[in-house]
Amino acid sequence: MLNKVDGLVIGMQNRLYHFWDDEQGDTNFISMLVILGIALALAGVFLGFKDQILEWVDTNIGDFFSKSGGR
């Protein structure tokens, strides 16, 4: 009786493993979509705050090079 139950459990584990194993190609596609979404969000933030970001960078780079020893 226990051998039959063990066989059923092993069979179910095998089916679950192969069910999840078949999805490997889709995970790469989903990862690419997530990275693309993050890149688009960062581009949107940069376009929205472009003037403020560029002014901050210009000020900090100017301060760095105007001091004799840097910061």
PDB file of N, CA and C in Angstrom:
ATOM      1  N   MET A   1       0.826  -1.193   0.000  1.00  0.00           N
ATOM      2  CA  MET A   1       0.000   0.000   0.000  1.00  0.00           C
ATOM      3  C   MET A   1       0.879   1.270   0.000  1.00  0.00           C
ATOM      4  N   LEU A   2       1.923   1.297   0.864  1.00  0.00           N
ATOM      5  CA  LEU A   2       2.794   2.459   0.915  1.00  0.00           C
ATOM      6  C   LEU A   2       3.587   2.618  -0.379  1.00  0.00           C
ATOM      7  N   ASN A   3       3.930   1.518  -1.015  1.00  0.00           N
ATOM      8  CA  ASN A   3       4.640   1.598  -2.282  1.00  0.00           C
ATOM      9  C   ASN A   3       3.791   2.285  -3.346  1.00  0.00           C
ATOM     10  N   LYS A   4       2.493   2.012  -3.337  1.00  0.00           N
ATOM     11  CA  LYS A   4       1.595   2.635  -4.301  1.00  0.00           C
ATOM     12  C   LYS A   4       1.475   4.140  -4.030  1.00  0.00           C
ATOM     13  N   VAL A   5       1.389   4.523  -2.755  1.00  0.00           N
ATOM     14  CA  VAL A   5       1.304   5.933  -2.393  1.00  0.00           C
ATOM     15  C   VAL A   5       2.612   6.635  -2.760  1.00  0.00           C
ATOM     16  N   ASP A   6       3.739   5.995  -2.477  1.00  0.00           N
ATOM     17  CA  ASP A   6       5.029   6.576  -2.848  1.00  0.00           C
ATOM     18  C   ASP A   6       5.126   6.775  -4.358  1.00  0.00           C
ATOM     19  N   GLY A   7       4.652   5.797  -5.107  1.00  0.00           N
ATOM     20  CA  GLY A   7       4.667   5.907  -6.569  1.00  0.00           C
ATOM     21  C   GLY A   7       3.808   7.059  -7.053  1.00  0.00           C
ATOM     22  N   LEU A   8       2.639   7.268  -6.433  1.00  0.00           N
ATOM     23  CA  LEU A   8       1.772   8.386  -6.812  1.00  0.00           C
ATOM     24  C   LEU A   8       2.420   9.728  -6.478  1.00  0.00           C
ATOM     25  N   VAL A   9       3.046   9.810  -5.303  1.00  0.00           N
ATOM     26  CA  VAL A   9       3.695  11.060  -4.895  1.00  0.00           C
ATOM     27  C   VAL A   9       4.849  11.380  -5.841  1.00  0.00           C
ATOM     28  N   ILE A  10       5.662  10.388  -6.151  1.00  0.00           N
ATOM     29  CA  ILE A  10       6.782  10.605  -7.071  1.00  0.00           C
ATOM     30  C   ILE A  10       6.268  11.002  -8.446  1.00  0.00           C
ATOM     31  N   GLY A  11       5.179  10.393  -8.902  1.00  0.00           N
ATOM     32  CA  GLY A  11       4.598  10.755 -10.192  1.00  0.00           C
ATOM     33  C   GLY A  11       4.088  12.185 -10.208  1.00  0.00           C
ATOM     34  N   MET A  12       3.464  12.619  -9.107  1.00  0.00           N
ATOM     35  CA  MET A  12       2.968  14.000  -9.034  1.00  0.00           C
ATOM     36  C   MET A  12       4.132  14.987  -8.993  1.00  0.00           C
ATOM     37  N   GLN A  13       5.192  14.650  -8.258  1.00  0.00           N
ATOM     38  CA  GLN A  13       6.367  15.520  -8.222  1.00  0.00           C
ATOM     39  C   GLN A  13       6.980  15.646  -9.613  1.00  0.00           C
ATOM     40  N   ASN A  14       7.046  14.553 -10.331  1.00  0.00           N
ATOM     41  CA  ASN A  14       7.604  14.556 -11.676  1.00  0.00           C
ATOM     42  C   ASN A  14       6.774  15.430 -12.610  1.00  0.00           C
ATOM     43  N   ARG A  15       5.445  15.324 -12.518  1.00  0.00           N
ATOM     44  CA  ARG A  15       4.573  16.150 -13.367  1.00  0.00           C
ATOM     45  C   ARG A  15       4.707  17.632 -13.032  1.00  0.00           C
ATOM     46  N   LEU A  16       4.790  17.954 -11.733  1.00  0.00           N
ATOM     47  CA  LEU A  16       4.951  19.359 -11.342  1.00  0.00           C
ATOM     48  C   LEU A  16       6.292  19.912 -11.804  1.00  0.00           C
ATOM     49  N   TYR A  17       7.338  19.101 -11.687  1.00  0.00           N
ATOM     50  CA  TYR A  17       8.656  19.553 -12.132  1.00  0.00           C
ATOM     51  C   TYR A  17       8.640  19.853 -13.624  1.00  0.00           C
ATOM     52  N   HIS A  18       8.056  18.971 -14.412  1.00  0.00           N
ATOM     53  CA  HIS A  18       8.031  19.193 -15.859  1.00  0.00           C
ATOM     54  C   HIS A  18       7.077  20.317 -16.251  1.00  0.00           C
ATOM     55  N   PHE A  19       6.039  20.548 -15.427  1.00  0.00           N
ATOM     56  CA  PHE A  19       5.126  21.666 -15.703  1.00  0.00           C
ATOM     57  C   PHE A  19       5.871  22.989 -15.567  1.00  0.00           C
ATOM     58  N   TRP A  20       6.657  23.160 -14.500  1.00  0.00           N
ATOM     59  CA  TRP A  20       7.397  24.400 -14.300  1.00  0.00           C
ATOM     60  C   TRP A  20       8.605  24.486 -15.222  1.00  0.00           C
ATOM     61  N   ASP A  21       9.176  23.355 -15.596  1.00  0.00           N
ATOM     62  CA  ASP A  21      10.357  23.332 -16.447  1.00  0.00           C
ATOM     63  C   ASP A  21      10.046  23.811 -17.859  1.00  0.00           C
ATOM     64  N   ASP A  22       8.806  23.627 -18.315  1.00  0.00           N
ATOM     65  CA  ASP A  22       8.435  24.024 -19.669  1.00  0.00           C
ATOM     66  C   ASP A  22       8.331  25.537 -19.824  1.00  0.00           C
ATOM     67  N   GLU A  23       8.316  26.285 -18.745  1.00  0.00           N
ATOM     68  CA  GLU A  23       8.100  27.726 -18.797  1.00  0.00           C
ATOM     69  C   GLU A  23       9.394  28.527 -18.865  1.00  0.00           C
ATOM     70  N   GLN A  24      10.539  27.905 -19.071  1.00  0.00           N
ATOM     71  CA  GLN A  24      11.802  28.625 -19.024  1.00  0.00           C
ATOM     72  C   GLN A  24      11.926  29.673 -20.120  1.00  0.00           C
ATOM     73  N   GLY A  25      11.430  29.429 -21.306  1.00  0.00           N
ATOM     74  CA  GLY A  25      11.532  30.402 -22.381  1.00  0.00           C
ATOM     75  C   GLY A  25      10.719  31.650 -22.105  1.00  0.00           C
ATOM     76  N   ASP A  26       9.594  31.507 -21.426  1.00  0.00           N
ATOM     77  CA  ASP A  26       8.744  32.650 -21.131  1.00  0.00           C
ATOM     78  C   ASP A  26       9.353  33.552 -20.070  1.00  0.00           C
ATOM     79  N   THR A  27      10.121  33.006 -19.151  1.00  0.00           N
ATOM     80  CA  THR A  27      10.679  33.851 -18.094  1.00  0.00           C
ATOM     81  C   THR A  27      11.696  34.835 -18.664  1.00  0.00           C
ATOM     82  N   ASN A  28      12.437  34.440 -19.698  1.00  0.00           N
ATOM     83  CA  ASN A  28      13.373  35.376 -20.317  1.00  0.00           C
ATOM     84  C   ASN A  28      12.628  36.531 -20.968  1.00  0.00           C
ATOM     85  N   PHE A  29      11.509  36.240 -21.616  1.00  0.00           N
ATOM     86  CA  PHE A  29      10.704  37.272 -22.259  1.00  0.00           C
ATOM     87  C   PHE A  29      10.131  38.227 -21.220  1.00  0.00           C
ATOM     88  N   ILE A  30       9.652  37.689 -20.114  1.00  0.00           N
ATOM     89  CA  ILE A  30       9.082  38.525 -19.057  1.00  0.00           C
ATOM     90  C   ILE A  30      10.175  39.390 -18.437  1.00  0.00           C
ATOM     91  N   SER A  31      11.367  38.835 -18.249  1.00  0.00           N
ATOM     92  CA  SER A  31      12.476  39.619 -17.709  1.00  0.00           C
ATOM     93  C   SER A  31      12.828  40.774 -18.634  1.00  0.00           C
ATOM     94  N   MET A  32      12.825  40.519 -19.927  1.00  0.00           N
ATOM     95  CA  MET A  32      13.123  41.590 -20.877  1.00  0.00           C
ATOM     96  C   MET A  32      12.053  42.677 -20.819  1.00  0.00           C
ATOM     97  N   LEU A  33      10.801  42.299 -20.656  1.00  0.00           N
ATOM     98  CA  LEU A  33       9.734  43.297 -20.546  1.00  0.00           C
ATOM     99  C   LEU A  33       9.876  44.127 -19.281  1.00  0.00           C
ATOM    100  N   VAL A  34      10.260  43.498 -18.174  1.00  0.00           N
ATOM    101  CA  VAL A  34      10.442  44.231 -16.915  1.00  0.00           C
ATOM    102  C   VAL A  34      11.591  45.229 -17.044  1.00  0.00           C
ATOM    103  N   ILE A  35      12.701  44.803 -17.635  1.00  0.00           N
ATOM    104  CA  ILE A  35      13.844  45.707 -17.819  1.00  0.00           C
ATOM    105  C   ILE A  35      13.477  46.854 -18.746  1.00  0.00           C
ATOM    106  N   LEU A  36      12.739  46.566 -19.800  1.00  0.00           N
ATOM    107  CA  LEU A  36      12.294  47.618 -20.716  1.00  0.00           C
ATOM    108  C   LEU A  36      11.378  48.607 -19.997  1.00  0.00           C
ATOM    109  N   GLY A  37      10.496  48.116 -19.136  1.00  0.00           N
ATOM    110  CA  GLY A  37       9.618  48.994 -18.362  1.00  0.00           C
ATOM    111  C   GLY A  37      10.391  49.894 -17.424  1.00  0.00           C
ATOM    112  N   ILE A  38      11.425  49.355 -16.772  1.00  0.00           N
ATOM    113  CA  ILE A  38      12.253  50.163 -15.876  1.00  0.00           C
ATOM    114  C   ILE A  38      12.993  51.239 -16.660  1.00  0.00           C
ATOM    115  N   ALA A  39      13.537  50.862 -17.831  1.00  0.00           N
ATOM    116  CA  ALA A  39      14.262  51.836 -18.656  1.00  0.00           C
ATOM    117  C   ALA A  39      13.329  52.948 -19.124  1.00  0.00           C
ATOM    118  N   LEU A  40      12.108  52.603 -19.509  1.00  0.00           N
ATOM    119  CA  LEU A  40      11.156  53.630 -19.946  1.00  0.00           C
ATOM    120  C   LEU A  40      10.750  54.536 -18.786  1.00  0.00           C
ATOM    121  N   ALA A  41      10.607  53.962 -17.593  1.00  0.00           N
ATOM    122  CA  ALA A  41      10.258  54.775 -16.427  1.00  0.00           C
ATOM    123  C   ALA A  41      11.389  55.750 -16.099  1.00  0.00           C
ATOM    124  N   LEU A  42      12.640  55.276 -16.161  1.00  0.00           N
ATOM    125  CA  LEU A  42      13.767  56.175 -15.907  1.00  0.00           C
ATOM    126  C   LEU A  42      13.862  57.269 -16.961  1.00  0.00           C
ATOM    127  N   ALA A  43      13.583  56.924 -18.215  1.00  0.00           N
ATOM    128  CA  ALA A  43      13.591  57.935 -19.275  1.00  0.00           C
ATOM    129  C   ALA A  43      12.500  58.969 -19.030  1.00  0.00           C
ATOM    130  N   GLY A  44      11.335  58.532 -18.583  1.00  0.00           N
ATOM    131  CA  GLY A  44      10.246  59.459 -18.281  1.00  0.00           C
ATOM    132  C   GLY A  44      10.589  60.391 -17.139  1.00  0.00           C
ATOM    133  N   VAL A  45      11.236  59.850 -16.094  1.00  0.00           N
ATOM    134  CA  VAL A  45      11.658  60.690 -14.967  1.00  0.00           C
ATOM    135  C   VAL A  45      12.695  61.703 -15.439  1.00  0.00           C
ATOM    136  N   PHE A  46      13.646  61.255 -16.254  1.00  0.00           N
ATOM    137  CA  PHE A  46      14.672  62.177 -16.742  1.00  0.00           C
ATOM    138  C   PHE A  46      14.054  63.279 -17.594  1.00  0.00           C
ATOM    139  N   LEU A  47      13.111  62.923 -18.468  1.00  0.00           N
ATOM    140  CA  LEU A  47      12.482  63.945 -19.307  1.00  0.00           C
ATOM    141  C   LEU A  47      11.658  64.920 -18.468  1.00  0.00           C
ATOM    142  N   GLY A  48      11.046  64.420 -17.398  1.00  0.00           N
ATOM    143  CA  GLY A  48      10.237  65.281 -16.543  1.00  0.00           C
ATOM    144  C   GLY A  48      11.073  66.252 -15.726  1.00  0.00           C
ATOM    145  N   PHE A  49      12.223  65.800 -15.244  1.00  0.00           N
ATOM    146  CA  PHE A  49      13.061  66.617 -14.378  1.00  0.00           C
ATOM    147  C   PHE A  49      14.399  66.944 -15.024  1.00  0.00           C
ATOM    148  N   LYS A  50      14.429  66.996 -16.349  1.00  0.00           N
ATOM    149  CA  LYS A  50      15.669  67.176 -17.093  1.00  0.00           C
ATOM    150  C   LYS A  50      16.421  68.435 -16.679  1.00  0.00           C
ATOM    151  N   ASP A  51      15.735  69.557 -16.613  1.00  0.00           N
ATOM    152  CA  ASP A  51      16.398  70.820 -16.292  1.00  0.00           C
ATOM    153  C   ASP A  51      16.994  70.802 -14.887  1.00  0.00           C
ATOM    154  N   GLN A  52      16.247  70.257 -13.927  1.00  0.00           N
ATOM    155  CA  GLN A  52      16.735  70.207 -12.553  1.00  0.00           C
ATOM    156  C   GLN A  52      17.929  69.266 -12.423  1.00  0.00           C
ATOM    157  N   ILE A  53      17.874  68.119 -13.097  1.00  0.00           N
ATOM    158  CA  ILE A  53      18.976  67.156 -13.032  1.00  0.00           C
ATOM    159  C   ILE A  53      20.232  67.747 -13.653  1.00  0.00           C
ATOM    160  N   LEU A  54      20.099  68.347 -14.829  1.00  0.00           N
ATOM    161  CA  LEU A  54      21.266  68.907 -15.506  1.00  0.00           C
ATOM    162  C   LEU A  54      21.865  70.074 -14.717  1.00  0.00           C
ATOM    163  N   GLU A  55      21.019  70.887 -14.091  1.00  0.00           N
ATOM    164  CA  GLU A  55      21.515  71.995 -13.270  1.00  0.00           C
ATOM    165  C   GLU A  55      22.275  71.465 -12.063  1.00  0.00           C
ATOM    166  N   TRP A  56      21.754  70.422 -11.414  1.00  0.00           N
ATOM    167  CA  TRP A  56      22.419  69.828 -10.253  1.00  0.00           C
ATOM    168  C   TRP A  56      23.774  69.249 -10.647  1.00  0.00           C
ATOM    169  N   VAL A  57      23.822  68.526 -11.772  1.00  0.00           N
ATOM    170  CA  VAL A  57      25.084  67.937 -12.231  1.00  0.00           C
ATOM    171  C   VAL A  57      26.081  69.035 -12.580  1.00  0.00           C
ATOM    172  N   ASP A  58      25.645  70.074 -13.276  1.00  0.00           N
ATOM    173  CA  ASP A  58      26.530  71.164 -13.661  1.00  0.00           C
ATOM    174  C   ASP A  58      27.096  71.873 -12.428  1.00  0.00           C
ATOM    175  N   THR A  59      26.257  72.102 -11.434  1.00  0.00           N
ATOM    176  CA  THR A  59      26.704  72.761 -10.201  1.00  0.00           C
ATOM    177  C   THR A  59      27.729  71.902  -9.467  1.00  0.00           C
ATOM    178  N   ASN A  60      27.446  70.626  -9.324  1.00  0.00           N
ATOM    179  CA  ASN A  60      28.359  69.759  -8.576  1.00  0.00           C
ATOM    180  C   ASN A  60      29.676  69.544  -9.307  1.00  0.00           C
ATOM    181  N   ILE A  61      29.643  69.412 -10.610  1.00  0.00           N
ATOM    182  CA  ILE A  61      30.890  69.262 -11.362  1.00  0.00           C
ATOM    183  C   ILE A  61      31.685  70.557 -11.309  1.00  0.00           C
ATOM    184  N   GLY A  62      31.012  71.704 -11.410  1.00  0.00           N
ATOM    185  CA  GLY A  62      31.700  72.992 -11.302  1.00  0.00           C
ATOM    186  C   GLY A  62      32.333  73.180  -9.944  1.00  0.00           C
ATOM    187  N   ASP A  63      31.621  72.790  -8.880  1.00  0.00           N
ATOM    188  CA  ASP A  63      32.184  72.890  -7.531  1.00  0.00           C
ATOM    189  C   ASP A  63      33.392  71.975  -7.376  1.00  0.00           C
ATOM    190  N   PHE A  64      33.332  70.805  -7.946  1.00  0.00           N
ATOM    191  CA  PHE A  64      34.424  69.840  -7.822  1.00  0.00           C
ATOM    192  C   PHE A  64      35.694  70.364  -8.482  1.00  0.00           C
ATOM    193  N   PHE A  65      35.565  70.915  -9.670  1.00  0.00           N
ATOM    194  CA  PHE A  65      36.751  71.365 -10.391  1.00  0.00           C
ATOM    195  C   PHE A  65      37.230  72.743  -9.943  1.00  0.00           C
ATOM    196  N   SER A  66      36.377  73.551  -9.286  1.00  0.00           N
ATOM    197  CA  SER A  66      36.824  74.877  -8.857  1.00  0.00           C
ATOM    198  C   SER A  66      37.619  74.814  -7.551  1.00  0.00           C
ATOM    199  N   LYS A  67      37.463  73.744  -6.786  1.00  0.00           N
ATOM    200  CA  LYS A  67      38.215  73.608  -5.535  1.00  0.00           C
ATOM    201  C   LYS A  67      39.571  73.003  -5.841  1.00  0.00           C
ATOM    202  N   SER A  68      40.567  73.403  -5.074  1.00  0.00           N
ATOM    203  CA  SER A  68      41.938  72.962  -5.373  1.00  0.00           C
ATOM    204  C   SER A  68      42.135  71.478  -5.102  1.00  0.00           C
ATOM    205  N   GLY A  69      41.507  70.939  -4.071  1.00  0.00           N
ATOM    206  CA  GLY A  69      41.718  69.542  -3.735  1.00  0.00           C
ATOM    207  C   GLY A  69      40.490  68.680  -3.980  1.00  0.00           C
ATOM    208  N   GLY A  70      39.539  69.182  -4.643  1.00  0.00           N
ATOM    209  CA  GLY A  70      38.282  68.446  -4.778  1.00  0.00           C
ATOM    210  C   GLY A  70      37.497  68.515  -3.489  1.00  0.00           C
ATOM    211  N   ARG A  71      36.686  67.567  -3.212  1.00  0.00           N
ATOM    212  CA  ARG A  71      35.890  67.584  -1.976  1.00  0.00           C
ATOM    213  C   ARG A  71      36.598  66.894  -0.877  1.00  0.00           C
TER     214      ARG A  71
END
